[in-house]
Amino acid sequence: MKLPTKEHTGKWSSDKAYMDAMVKDHEKDLAEFQEEAKTGSDPEVKKFAEDTAKIVQEHLDLAKETQSKLQ
């Protein structure tokens, strides 16, 4: 996996814009962890990806719940 090289420096125009970005980011992260868990070659990394995907899924669910409350 490739880690970001620098932090996001953009400003958010609203709470909704922030949560929209969080949902999108979590969806991307979840897909990457699930892919590694499914097709990875190192058993330890696959297990880590599988376990972490569950946590990312929980965070995504919470982000979507929060997003649905914003206008």
C-alpha atoms as a PDB file:
ATOM      1  CA  MET A   1       0.000   0.000   0.000  1.00  0.00           C
ATOM      2  CA  LYS A   2       1.106   3.514  -0.708  1.00  0.00           C
ATOM      3  CA  LEU A   3       0.747   6.092   2.055  1.00  0.00           C
ATOM      4  CA  PRO A   4      -0.005   9.729   1.302  1.00  0.00           C
ATOM      5  CA  THR A   5       3.069  11.903   0.963  1.00  0.00           C
ATOM      6  CA  LYS A   6       1.543  14.977   2.575  1.00  0.00           C
ATOM      7  CA  GLU A   7      -1.479  16.065   4.540  1.00  0.00           C
ATOM      8  CA  HIS A   8      -4.574  17.529   2.964  1.00  0.00           C
ATOM      9  CA  THR A   9      -4.328  21.315   3.083  1.00  0.00           C
ATOM     10  CA  GLY A  10      -7.710  22.209   1.642  1.00  0.00           C
ATOM     11  CA  LYS A  11     -10.379  24.004   3.590  1.00  0.00           C
ATOM     12  CA  TRP A  12     -13.869  22.619   3.911  1.00  0.00           C
ATOM     13  CA  SER A  13     -16.766  24.815   2.898  1.00  0.00           C
ATOM     14  CA  SER A  14     -19.228  23.052   5.205  1.00  0.00           C
ATOM     15  CA  ASP A  15     -19.701  20.109   7.514  1.00  0.00           C
ATOM     16  CA  LYS A  16     -21.513  18.343   4.676  1.00  0.00           C
ATOM     17  CA  ALA A  17     -18.589  18.827   2.297  1.00  0.00           C
ATOM     18  CA  TYR A  18     -16.276  17.402   4.961  1.00  0.00           C
ATOM     19  CA  MET A  19     -18.495  14.361   5.561  1.00  0.00           C
ATOM     20  CA  ASP A  20     -18.905  13.802   1.819  1.00  0.00           C
ATOM     21  CA  ALA A  21     -15.115  13.668   1.559  1.00  0.00           C
ATOM     22  CA  MET A  22     -14.883  11.327   4.554  1.00  0.00           C
ATOM     23  CA  VAL A  23     -17.408   8.902   3.062  1.00  0.00           C
ATOM     24  CA  LYS A  24     -15.616   8.922  -0.276  1.00  0.00           C
ATOM     25  CA  ASP A  25     -12.229   8.405   1.396  1.00  0.00           C
ATOM     26  CA  HIS A  26     -13.495   5.565   3.597  1.00  0.00           C
ATOM     27  CA  GLU A  27     -15.080   3.837   0.589  1.00  0.00           C
ATOM     28  CA  LYS A  28     -11.749   3.994  -1.233  1.00  0.00           C
ATOM     29  CA  ASP A  29      -9.827   2.745   1.805  1.00  0.00           C
ATOM     30  CA  LEU A  30     -12.286  -0.086   2.402  1.00  0.00           C
ATOM     31  CA  ALA A  31     -11.972  -1.273  -1.193  1.00  0.00           C
ATOM     32  CA  GLU A  32      -8.179  -1.287  -0.928  1.00  0.00           C
ATOM     33  CA  PHE A  33      -8.157  -3.239   2.349  1.00  0.00           C
ATOM     34  CA  GLN A  34     -10.700  -5.734   1.011  1.00  0.00           C
ATOM     35  CA  GLU A  35      -8.653  -6.224  -2.156  1.00  0.00           C
ATOM     36  CA  GLU A  36      -5.476  -6.878  -0.149  1.00  0.00           C
ATOM     37  CA  ALA A  37      -7.339  -9.274   2.148  1.00  0.00           C
ATOM     38  CA  LYS A  38      -8.624 -11.148  -0.898  1.00  0.00           C
ATOM     39  CA  THR A  39      -5.612 -11.213  -3.208  1.00  0.00           C
ATOM     40  CA  GLY A  40      -2.556 -10.443  -1.074  1.00  0.00           C
ATOM     41  CA  SER A  41       0.372 -12.843  -1.063  1.00  0.00           C
ATOM     42  CA  ASP A  42       1.584 -12.420   2.540  1.00  0.00           C
ATOM     43  CA  PRO A  43      -0.676 -14.228   5.041  1.00  0.00           C
ATOM     44  CA  GLU A  44       0.100 -11.777   7.862  1.00  0.00           C
ATOM     45  CA  VAL A  45      -0.660  -8.753   5.694  1.00  0.00           C
ATOM     46  CA  LYS A  46      -3.841 -10.410   4.425  1.00  0.00           C
ATOM     47  CA  LYS A  47      -4.984 -11.010   8.009  1.00  0.00           C
ATOM     48  CA  PHE A  48      -4.165  -7.414   8.967  1.00  0.00           C
ATOM     49  CA  ALA A  49      -6.091  -6.132   5.935  1.00  0.00           C
ATOM     50  CA  GLU A  50      -9.076  -8.331   6.742  1.00  0.00           C
ATOM     51  CA  ASP A  51      -9.180  -7.205  10.385  1.00  0.00           C
ATOM     52  CA  THR A  52      -8.679  -3.554   9.485  1.00  0.00           C
ATOM     53  CA  ALA A  53     -11.349  -3.682   6.764  1.00  0.00           C
ATOM     54  CA  LYS A  54     -13.886  -4.484   9.476  1.00  0.00           C
ATOM     55  CA  ILE A  55     -12.895  -1.341  11.393  1.00  0.00           C
ATOM     56  CA  VAL A  56     -12.937   0.808   8.251  1.00  0.00           C
ATOM     57  CA  GLN A  57     -16.414  -0.566   7.462  1.00  0.00           C
ATOM     58  CA  GLU A  58     -17.606   0.501  10.923  1.00  0.00           C
ATOM     59  CA  HIS A  59     -16.156   3.982  10.387  1.00  0.00           C
ATOM     60  CA  LEU A  60     -17.760   4.189   6.948  1.00  0.00           C
ATOM     61  CA  ASP A  61     -21.138   3.242   8.398  1.00  0.00           C
ATOM     62  CA  LEU A  62     -20.801   5.967  11.043  1.00  0.00           C
ATOM     63  CA  ALA A  63     -19.694   8.515   8.452  1.00  0.00           C
ATOM     64  CA  LYS A  64     -22.687   7.668   6.249  1.00  0.00           C
ATOM     65  CA  GLU A  65     -25.011   7.993   9.230  1.00  0.00           C
ATOM     66  CA  THR A  66     -23.588  11.431  10.025  1.00  0.00           C
ATOM     67  CA  GLN A  67     -23.651  12.432   6.359  1.00  0.00           C
ATOM     68  CA  SER A  68     -27.355  11.576   6.119  1.00  0.00           C
ATOM     69  CA  LYS A  69     -28.125  14.019   8.939  1.00  0.00           C
ATOM     70  CA  LEU A  70     -26.469  16.991   7.224  1.00  0.00           C
ATOM     71  CA  GLN A  71     -27.975  19.241   4.578  1.00  0.00           C
END
